[in-house]
Amino acid sequence: MKSDSLEAQAAIDFAADLIRQSRHAVALTGAGMSTPSGIPDFRSSGTGLWSRDEPLEVASLSTFRTKPGLFFEWFRPLARQMFDARPNAAHFALAKLEQHGFIKAVITQNVDVLHQRSGSKTVIEMHGTLQTLTCTQCYHQAQADVYIASFVEDGTLPSCPKCGALLKPDVILFGEQLPQSAWFAAQRAARSCDVMLVVGSSLEVLPVAGLPMQALDRGAHLIIINNAPTYLNIRADAVFFNDVAEILPAIAERVLNG
């Protein structure tokens, strides 16, 4: 439905009322949050990264350990897109809702740091971050900016300034466990919220996909904005198939200005 239709406006008003009346609303964001910023998602037919590449062959911890060159060859164009990306209107809308006290936390599956760059403060990064790299030998952690720039520009593999070993981007690869502190924080947020706003996530990747169920089981309302159905659409109070960069700012405008 078009965002300016009467049906869409009624749904926007309803979603905004849920957020405005909430005491503890949280957001859960996925790759679709950043596609308007030019970063491809993983599962869309024909355009998603996994429609072109086999994830376990290019983005697993095993591949990184045994064939790091193959991993970095796959990762380089994605790193370029993330390095060049800018927050879109959906990122700024969430940040504004947080700044005004309506959103208490953003749980994200994204590693692109666009939430922080748009002004969000309480961001729980479930799949790590492109902001830092860690040495595979001495575990020195380095800020990624200078390394990612040279890697994107000429393919220079990042090496540790302390010992010279390879630096691994602090993103969670297939075969790695989620950061324990992030997982515990996400569960606390899901279990304490009274509204969960799911934005740009297909809710297909466990265990993060189970967080909305934890919220629903404790009586929370659920709002879903995604371009494809999820397994929880039938349980949601409001569902939008619109562009996140169009619908989320419209909801935020109604929350903030009535």
C-alpha atoms as a PDB file:
ATOM      1  CA  MET A   1       0.000   0.000   0.000  1.00  0.00           C
ATOM      2  CA  LYS A   2       1.119   3.539  -0.711  1.00  0.00           C
ATOM      3  CA  SER A   3       2.234   5.464   2.363  1.00  0.00           C
ATOM      4  CA  ASP A   4      -0.103   8.345   1.485  1.00  0.00           C
ATOM      5  CA  SER A   5      -3.213   6.151   1.145  1.00  0.00           C
ATOM      6  CA  LEU A   6      -5.935   6.371   3.779  1.00  0.00           C
ATOM      7  CA  GLU A   7      -5.266   2.781   4.811  1.00  0.00           C
ATOM      8  CA  ALA A   8      -1.547   3.471   5.228  1.00  0.00           C
ATOM      9  CA  GLN A   9      -2.159   6.660   7.166  1.00  0.00           C
ATOM     10  CA  ALA A  10      -4.452   4.809   9.557  1.00  0.00           C
ATOM     11  CA  ALA A  11      -1.794   2.125  10.069  1.00  0.00           C
ATOM     12  CA  ILE A  12       0.881   4.790  10.618  1.00  0.00           C
ATOM     13  CA  ASP A  13      -1.315   6.530  13.185  1.00  0.00           C
ATOM     14  CA  PHE A  14      -1.960   3.242  14.977  1.00  0.00           C
ATOM     15  CA  ALA A  15       1.748   2.291  15.084  1.00  0.00           C
ATOM     16  CA  ALA A  16       2.652   5.788  16.281  1.00  0.00           C
ATOM     17  CA  ASP A  17       0.067   5.566  19.063  1.00  0.00           C
ATOM     18  CA  LEU A  18       1.552   2.257  20.245  1.00  0.00           C
ATOM     19  CA  ILE A  19       5.015   3.810  20.431  1.00  0.00           C
ATOM     20  CA  ARG A  20       3.801   7.054  22.008  1.00  0.00           C
ATOM     21  CA  GLN A  21       1.917   5.187  24.726  1.00  0.00           C
ATOM     22  CA  SER A  22       4.732   2.744  25.436  1.00  0.00           C
ATOM     23  CA  ARG A  23       6.952   2.874  28.491  1.00  0.00           C
ATOM     24  CA  HIS A  24       9.816   0.812  27.064  1.00  0.00           C
ATOM     25  CA  ALA A  25       9.910   0.433  23.277  1.00  0.00           C
ATOM     26  CA  VAL A  26      12.879  -1.175  21.532  1.00  0.00           C
ATOM     27  CA  ALA A  27      13.816  -1.657  17.883  1.00  0.00           C
ATOM     28  CA  LEU A  28      15.267  -4.709  16.166  1.00  0.00           C
ATOM     29  CA  THR A  29      16.886  -3.926  12.830  1.00  0.00           C
ATOM     30  CA  GLY A  30      18.231  -6.073  10.010  1.00  0.00           C
ATOM     31  CA  ALA A  31      19.886  -5.680   6.643  1.00  0.00           C
ATOM     32  CA  GLY A  32      16.821  -4.047   5.103  1.00  0.00           C
ATOM     33  CA  MET A  33      17.439  -1.055   7.355  1.00  0.00           C
ATOM     34  CA  SER A  34      20.583  -0.251   5.369  1.00  0.00           C
ATOM     35  CA  THR A  35      19.582  -1.155   1.804  1.00  0.00           C
ATOM     36  CA  PRO A  36      18.381   2.442   1.179  1.00  0.00           C
ATOM     37  CA  SER A  37      21.955   3.464   2.073  1.00  0.00           C
ATOM     38  CA  GLY A  38      23.289   1.299  -0.776  1.00  0.00           C
ATOM     39  CA  ILE A  39      24.338  -1.750   1.263  1.00  0.00           C
ATOM     40  CA  PRO A  40      22.958  -5.009  -0.199  1.00  0.00           C
ATOM     41  CA  ASP A  41      21.047  -7.393   2.014  1.00  0.00           C
ATOM     42  CA  PHE A  42      21.775 -11.091   2.160  1.00  0.00           C
ATOM     43  CA  ARG A  43      18.621 -12.942   1.167  1.00  0.00           C
ATOM     44  CA  SER A  44      16.661 -10.964  -1.439  1.00  0.00           C
ATOM     45  CA  SER A  45      16.193 -13.025  -4.593  1.00  0.00           C
ATOM     46  CA  GLY A  46      18.628 -11.964  -7.314  1.00  0.00           C
ATOM     47  CA  THR A  47      20.194  -9.071  -5.384  1.00  0.00           C
ATOM     48  CA  GLY A  48      21.041 -10.546  -1.993  1.00  0.00           C
ATOM     49  CA  LEU A  49      24.632 -11.538  -1.287  1.00  0.00           C
ATOM     50  CA  TRP A  50      23.686 -15.163  -0.725  1.00  0.00           C
ATOM     51  CA  SER A  51      22.051 -15.386  -4.152  1.00  0.00           C
ATOM     52  CA  ARG A  52      25.547 -14.992  -5.594  1.00  0.00           C
ATOM     53  CA  ASP A  53      27.819 -16.581  -2.990  1.00  0.00           C
ATOM     54  CA  GLU A  54      27.715 -19.630  -0.747  1.00  0.00           C
ATOM     55  CA  PRO A  55      28.013 -18.189   2.774  1.00  0.00           C
ATOM     56  CA  LEU A  56      29.907 -21.113   4.294  1.00  0.00           C
ATOM     57  CA  GLU A  57      32.499 -20.891   1.506  1.00  0.00           C
ATOM     58  CA  VAL A  58      33.278 -17.182   1.811  1.00  0.00           C
ATOM     59  CA  ALA A  59      32.049 -15.877   5.159  1.00  0.00           C
ATOM     60  CA  SER A  60      32.803 -18.611   7.681  1.00  0.00           C
ATOM     61  CA  LEU A  61      35.355 -18.637  10.474  1.00  0.00           C
ATOM     62  CA  SER A  62      36.844 -21.757   8.887  1.00  0.00           C
ATOM     63  CA  THR A  63      37.407 -19.937   5.586  1.00  0.00           C
ATOM     64  CA  PHE A  64      38.982 -16.986   7.376  1.00  0.00           C
ATOM     65  CA  ARG A  65      41.396 -19.264   9.229  1.00  0.00           C
ATOM     66  CA  THR A  66      42.367 -21.474   6.288  1.00  0.00           C
ATOM     67  CA  LYS A  67      41.905 -19.168   3.270  1.00  0.00           C
ATOM     68  CA  PRO A  68      41.957 -15.582   4.541  1.00  0.00           C
ATOM     69  CA  GLY A  69      42.648 -14.307   1.025  1.00  0.00           C
ATOM     70  CA  LEU A  70      39.366 -15.810  -0.186  1.00  0.00           C
ATOM     71  CA  PHE A  71      37.464 -14.165   2.667  1.00  0.00           C
ATOM     72  CA  PHE A  72      39.006 -10.743   2.065  1.00  0.00           C
ATOM     73  CA  GLU A  73      38.436 -11.024  -1.695  1.00  0.00           C
ATOM     74  CA  TRP A  74      34.711 -11.552  -1.004  1.00  0.00           C
ATOM     75  CA  PHE A  75      34.638  -8.963   1.777  1.00  0.00           C
ATOM     76  CA  ARG A  76      36.347  -6.128  -0.098  1.00  0.00           C
ATOM     77  CA  PRO A  77      33.402  -4.893  -2.245  1.00  0.00           C
ATOM     78  CA  LEU A  78      31.065  -5.165   0.746  1.00  0.00           C
ATOM     79  CA  ALA A  79      33.529  -3.230   2.913  1.00  0.00           C
ATOM     80  CA  ARG A  80      33.690  -0.545   0.217  1.00  0.00           C
ATOM     81  CA  GLN A  81      29.905  -0.203   0.199  1.00  0.00           C
ATOM     82  CA  MET A  82      29.771   0.023   3.993  1.00  0.00           C
ATOM     83  CA  PHE A  83      32.722   2.422   4.147  1.00  0.00           C
ATOM     84  CA  ASP A  84      31.050   4.770   1.634  1.00  0.00           C
ATOM     85  CA  ALA A  85      27.503   4.431   3.006  1.00  0.00           C
ATOM     86  CA  ARG A  86      25.681   7.178   4.842  1.00  0.00           C
ATOM     87  CA  PRO A  87      22.758   6.825   7.264  1.00  0.00           C
ATOM     88  CA  ASN A  88      19.373   7.062   5.577  1.00  0.00           C
ATOM     89  CA  ALA A  89      16.106   8.610   6.757  1.00  0.00           C
ATOM     90  CA  ALA A  90      15.136   5.453   8.666  1.00  0.00           C
ATOM     91  CA  HIS A  91      18.339   5.588  10.735  1.00  0.00           C
ATOM     92  CA  PHE A  92      17.758   9.234  11.587  1.00  0.00           C
ATOM     93  CA  ALA A  93      14.125   8.551  12.477  1.00  0.00           C
ATOM     94  CA  LEU A  94      15.106   5.863  15.000  1.00  0.00           C
ATOM     95  CA  ALA A  95      17.815   8.098  16.445  1.00  0.00           C
ATOM     96  CA  LYS A  96      15.319  10.927  16.872  1.00  0.00           C
ATOM     97  CA  LEU A  97      12.846   8.600  18.604  1.00  0.00           C
ATOM     98  CA  GLU A  98      15.611   7.549  20.997  1.00  0.00           C
ATOM     99  CA  GLN A  99      16.653  11.136  21.645  1.00  0.00           C
ATOM    100  CA  HIS A 100      13.056  11.951  22.664  1.00  0.00           C
ATOM    101  CA  GLY A 101      12.836   8.935  24.959  1.00  0.00           C
ATOM    102  CA  PHE A 102      10.486   6.772  22.889  1.00  0.00           C
ATOM    103  CA  ILE A 103      13.039   4.112  21.868  1.00  0.00           C
ATOM    104  CA  LYS A 104      15.168   2.747  24.710  1.00  0.00           C
ATOM    105  CA  ALA A 105      17.518   0.549  22.671  1.00  0.00           C
ATOM    106  CA  VAL A 106      18.297  -0.540  19.133  1.00  0.00           C
ATOM    107  CA  ILE A 107      19.175  -4.208  18.688  1.00  0.00           C
ATOM    108  CA  THR A 108      20.827  -4.577  15.294  1.00  0.00           C
ATOM    109  CA  GLN A 109      22.003  -7.428  13.114  1.00  0.00           C
ATOM    110  CA  ASN A 110      23.986  -4.939  11.030  1.00  0.00           C
ATOM    111  CA  VAL A 111      27.728  -4.288  11.308  1.00  0.00           C
ATOM    112  CA  ASP A 112      27.857  -1.027   9.329  1.00  0.00           C
ATOM    113  CA  VAL A 113      27.748   1.381  12.337  1.00  0.00           C
ATOM    114  CA  LEU A 114      25.115   3.515  10.580  1.00  0.00           C
ATOM    115  CA  HIS A 115      22.921   3.614  13.675  1.00  0.00           C
ATOM    116  CA  GLN A 116      25.697   5.222  15.694  1.00  0.00           C
ATOM    117  CA  ARG A 117      26.554   7.596  12.858  1.00  0.00           C
ATOM    118  CA  SER A 118      22.942   8.778  12.730  1.00  0.00           C
ATOM    119  CA  GLY A 119      22.936   9.579  16.455  1.00  0.00           C
ATOM    120  CA  SER A 120      21.629   6.429  18.167  1.00  0.00           C
ATOM    121  CA  LYS A 121      23.358   5.922  21.528  1.00  0.00           C
ATOM    122  CA  THR A 122      22.111   2.604  22.915  1.00  0.00           C
ATOM    123  CA  VAL A 123      22.960   0.156  20.119  1.00  0.00           C
ATOM    124  CA  ILE A 124      23.304  -3.580  20.775  1.00  0.00           C
ATOM    125  CA  GLU A 125      25.338  -5.080  17.931  1.00  0.00           C
ATOM    126  CA  MET A 126      24.404  -8.742  17.603  1.00  0.00           C
ATOM    127  CA  HIS A 127      26.705  -9.604  14.709  1.00  0.00           C
ATOM    128  CA  GLY A 128      29.686  -7.485  15.660  1.00  0.00           C
ATOM    129  CA  THR A 129      30.952  -4.296  14.078  1.00  0.00           C
ATOM    130  CA  LEU A 130      33.082  -3.044  11.225  1.00  0.00           C
ATOM    131  CA  GLN A 131      34.372  -0.318  13.523  1.00  0.00           C
ATOM    132  CA  THR A 132      37.235  -2.391  14.988  1.00  0.00           C
ATOM    133  CA  LEU A 133      39.580  -5.250  14.082  1.00  0.00           C
ATOM    134  CA  THR A 134      41.332  -7.729  16.364  1.00  0.00           C
ATOM    135  CA  CYS A 135      44.722  -9.371  15.875  1.00  0.00           C
ATOM    136  CA  THR A 136      44.532 -13.120  15.286  1.00  0.00           C
ATOM    137  CA  GLN A 137      47.729 -13.654  17.314  1.00  0.00           C
ATOM    138  CA  CYS A 138      48.170 -11.107  20.119  1.00  0.00           C
ATOM    139  CA  TYR A 139      44.487  -9.974  20.237  1.00  0.00           C
ATOM    140  CA  HIS A 140      45.346  -6.288  20.004  1.00  0.00           C
ATOM    141  CA  GLN A 141      42.227  -4.382  18.982  1.00  0.00           C
ATOM    142  CA  ALA A 142      42.576  -1.567  16.456  1.00  0.00           C
ATOM    143  CA  GLN A 143      40.186   1.034  15.091  1.00  0.00           C
ATOM    144  CA  ALA A 144      39.241   0.033  11.573  1.00  0.00           C
ATOM    145  CA  ASP A 145      39.211   3.402   9.783  1.00  0.00           C
ATOM    146  CA  VAL A 146      42.758   3.531   8.463  1.00  0.00           C
ATOM    147  CA  TYR A 147      42.944  -0.195   7.722  1.00  0.00           C
ATOM    148  CA  ILE A 148      39.600  -0.392   5.957  1.00  0.00           C
ATOM    149  CA  ALA A 149      40.433   2.663   3.826  1.00  0.00           C
ATOM    150  CA  SER A 150      43.662   1.150   2.489  1.00  0.00           C
ATOM    151  CA  PHE A 151      42.050  -2.289   2.143  1.00  0.00           C
ATOM    152  CA  VAL A 152      39.166  -0.845   0.127  1.00  0.00           C
ATOM    153  CA  GLU A 153      41.500   1.312  -1.966  1.00  0.00           C
ATOM    154  CA  ASP A 154      44.223  -1.154  -2.953  1.00  0.00           C
ATOM    155  CA  GLY A 155      43.437  -4.477  -1.281  1.00  0.00           C
ATOM    156  CA  THR A 156      46.087  -4.190   1.438  1.00  0.00           C
ATOM    157  CA  LEU A 157      45.284  -6.846   4.052  1.00  0.00           C
ATOM    158  CA  PRO A 158      45.126  -5.364   7.558  1.00  0.00           C
ATOM    159  CA  SER A 159      48.089  -6.335   9.733  1.00  0.00           C
ATOM    160  CA  CYS A 160      48.607  -5.816  13.452  1.00  0.00           C
ATOM    161  CA  PRO A 161      50.707  -2.767  14.408  1.00  0.00           C
ATOM    162  CA  LYS A 162      51.977  -4.710  17.431  1.00  0.00           C
ATOM    163  CA  CYS A 163      53.043  -8.076  16.022  1.00  0.00           C
ATOM    164  CA  GLY A 164      52.395  -7.938  12.277  1.00  0.00           C
ATOM    165  CA  ALA A 165      49.836 -10.776  12.238  1.00  0.00           C
ATOM    166  CA  LEU A 166      46.571 -10.587  10.315  1.00  0.00           C
ATOM    167  CA  LEU A 167      43.771  -8.450  11.750  1.00  0.00           C
ATOM    168  CA  LYS A 168      40.234  -9.877  11.646  1.00  0.00           C
ATOM    169  CA  PRO A 169      37.278  -7.511  11.307  1.00  0.00           C
ATOM    170  CA  ASP A 170      35.168  -7.746  14.463  1.00  0.00           C
ATOM    171  CA  VAL A 171      32.172  -9.102  12.581  1.00  0.00           C
ATOM    172  CA  ILE A 172      30.592 -12.427  13.468  1.00  0.00           C
ATOM    173  CA  LEU A 173      31.242 -15.037  10.780  1.00  0.00           C
ATOM    174  CA  PHE A 174      29.434 -18.330  10.261  1.00  0.00           C
ATOM    175  CA  GLY A 175      30.740 -20.718  12.887  1.00  0.00           C
ATOM    176  CA  GLU A 176      31.303 -18.012  15.502  1.00  0.00           C
ATOM    177  CA  GLN A 177      29.209 -17.500  18.599  1.00  0.00           C
ATOM    178  CA  LEU A 178      27.355 -14.265  19.142  1.00  0.00           C
ATOM    179  CA  PRO A 179      29.010 -11.840  21.583  1.00  0.00           C
ATOM    180  CA  GLN A 180      27.743 -13.012  24.959  1.00  0.00           C
ATOM    181  CA  SER A 181      27.320  -9.545  26.426  1.00  0.00           C
ATOM    182  CA  ALA A 182      25.310  -8.397  23.385  1.00  0.00           C
ATOM    183  CA  TRP A 183      23.099 -11.471  23.505  1.00  0.00           C
ATOM    184  CA  PHE A 184      22.321 -11.010  27.191  1.00  0.00           C
ATOM    185  CA  ALA A 185      21.607  -7.305  26.650  1.00  0.00           C
ATOM    186  CA  ALA A 186      19.303  -8.081  23.710  1.00  0.00           C
ATOM    187  CA  GLN A 187      17.358 -10.630  25.743  1.00  0.00           C
ATOM    188  CA  ARG A 188      16.944  -8.157  28.595  1.00  0.00           C
ATOM    189  CA  ALA A 189      15.667  -5.536  26.149  1.00  0.00           C
ATOM    190  CA  ALA A 190      13.246  -7.972  24.493  1.00  0.00           C
ATOM    191  CA  ARG A 191      11.883  -9.264  27.790  1.00  0.00           C
ATOM    192  CA  SER A 192      11.376  -5.815  29.315  1.00  0.00           C
ATOM    193  CA  CYS A 193       9.857  -3.981  26.339  1.00  0.00           C
ATOM    194  CA  ASP A 194       6.174  -3.294  25.844  1.00  0.00           C
ATOM    195  CA  VAL A 195       6.590  -2.487  22.123  1.00  0.00           C
ATOM    196  CA  MET A 196       9.078  -4.064  19.725  1.00  0.00           C
ATOM    197  CA  LEU A 197       9.606  -2.410  16.357  1.00  0.00           C
ATOM    198  CA  VAL A 198      11.140  -4.812  13.802  1.00  0.00           C
ATOM    199  CA  VAL A 199      12.675  -2.934  10.865  1.00  0.00           C
ATOM    200  CA  GLY A 200      14.231  -4.508   7.783  1.00  0.00           C
ATOM    201  CA  SER A 201      14.644  -8.007   9.173  1.00  0.00           C
ATOM    202  CA  SER A 202      13.294 -11.191   7.626  1.00  0.00           C
ATOM    203  CA  LEU A 203      13.511 -12.829  11.080  1.00  0.00           C
ATOM    204  CA  GLU A 204      15.192 -15.890   9.583  1.00  0.00           C
ATOM    205  CA  VAL A 205      18.502 -15.944  11.460  1.00  0.00           C
ATOM    206  CA  LEU A 206      18.488 -17.551  14.880  1.00  0.00           C
ATOM    207  CA  PRO A 207      18.837 -16.856  17.716  1.00  0.00           C
ATOM    208  CA  VAL A 208      18.082 -13.178  17.019  1.00  0.00           C
ATOM    209  CA  ALA A 209      14.891 -14.116  15.144  1.00  0.00           C
ATOM    210  CA  GLY A 210      13.509 -15.444  18.409  1.00  0.00           C
ATOM    211  CA  LEU A 211      13.747 -12.137  20.265  1.00  0.00           C
ATOM    212  CA  PRO A 212      10.328 -10.838  19.113  1.00  0.00           C
ATOM    213  CA  MET A 213       8.748 -14.044  20.447  1.00  0.00           C
ATOM    214  CA  GLN A 214      10.335 -13.354  23.831  1.00  0.00           C
ATOM    215  CA  ALA A 215       8.721  -9.909  23.724  1.00  0.00           C
ATOM    216  CA  LEU A 216       5.329 -11.252  22.602  1.00  0.00           C
ATOM    217  CA  ASP A 217       5.341 -13.923  25.293  1.00  0.00           C
ATOM    218  CA  ARG A 218       5.543 -11.137  27.874  1.00  0.00           C
ATOM    219  CA  GLY A 219       2.659  -9.157  26.415  1.00  0.00           C
ATOM    220  CA  ALA A 220       4.515  -6.671  24.172  1.00  0.00           C
ATOM    221  CA  HIS A 221       3.043  -5.157  21.029  1.00  0.00           C
ATOM    222  CA  LEU A 222       4.820  -5.879  17.735  1.00  0.00           C
ATOM    223  CA  ILE A 223       5.257  -3.595  14.713  1.00  0.00           C
ATOM    224  CA  ILE A 224       6.978  -5.011  11.599  1.00  0.00           C
ATOM    225  CA  ILE A 225       8.362  -2.967   8.687  1.00  0.00           C
ATOM    226  CA  ASN A 226       9.909  -5.252   6.071  1.00  0.00           C
ATOM    227  CA  ASN A 227       9.648  -5.760   2.324  1.00  0.00           C
ATOM    228  CA  ALA A 228       8.847  -9.477   2.673  1.00  0.00           C
ATOM    229  CA  PRO A 229       6.682 -11.502   5.067  1.00  0.00           C
ATOM    230  CA  THR A 230       8.126 -12.838   8.311  1.00  0.00           C
ATOM    231  CA  TYR A 231       7.006 -15.767  10.422  1.00  0.00           C
ATOM    232  CA  LEU A 232       5.538 -13.320  12.955  1.00  0.00           C
ATOM    233  CA  ASN A 233       3.399 -11.164  10.650  1.00  0.00           C
ATOM    234  CA  ILE A 234       0.322 -13.016  11.892  1.00  0.00           C
ATOM    235  CA  ARG A 235       1.175 -12.020  15.482  1.00  0.00           C
ATOM    236  CA  ALA A 236       2.006  -8.376  14.759  1.00  0.00           C
ATOM    237  CA  ASP A 237      -0.230  -5.450  15.670  1.00  0.00           C
ATOM    238  CA  ALA A 238       0.860  -3.565  12.537  1.00  0.00           C
ATOM    239  CA  VAL A 239       2.712  -4.724   9.400  1.00  0.00           C
ATOM    240  CA  PHE A 240       4.201  -2.512   6.682  1.00  0.00           C
ATOM    241  CA  PHE A 241       5.712  -3.725   3.409  1.00  0.00           C
ATOM    242  CA  ASN A 242       6.826  -0.197   2.495  1.00  0.00           C
ATOM    243  CA  ASP A 243      10.347   1.177   2.060  1.00  0.00           C
ATOM    244  CA  VAL A 244      11.773   1.570   5.573  1.00  0.00           C
ATOM    245  CA  ALA A 245      13.234   4.977   4.660  1.00  0.00           C
ATOM    246  CA  GLU A 246       9.719   6.142   3.806  1.00  0.00           C
ATOM    247  CA  ILE A 247       7.510   4.546   6.445  1.00  0.00           C
ATOM    248  CA  LEU A 248       9.701   4.823   9.560  1.00  0.00           C
ATOM    249  CA  PRO A 249      10.145   8.615   9.241  1.00  0.00           C
ATOM    250  CA  ALA A 250       6.374   8.906   8.751  1.00  0.00           C
ATOM    251  CA  ILE A 251       5.742   6.956  11.951  1.00  0.00           C
ATOM    252  CA  ALA A 252       8.371   8.974  13.839  1.00  0.00           C
ATOM    253  CA  GLU A 253       6.802  12.229  12.637  1.00  0.00           C
ATOM    254  CA  ARG A 254       3.434  11.142  14.017  1.00  0.00           C
ATOM    255  CA  VAL A 255       4.968  10.029  17.319  1.00  0.00           C
ATOM    256  CA  LEU A 256       6.797  13.312  17.826  1.00  0.00           C
ATOM    257  CA  ASN A 257       4.271  15.774  16.427  1.00  0.00           C
ATOM    258  CA  GLY A 258       0.920  14.027  16.799  1.00  0.00           C
END
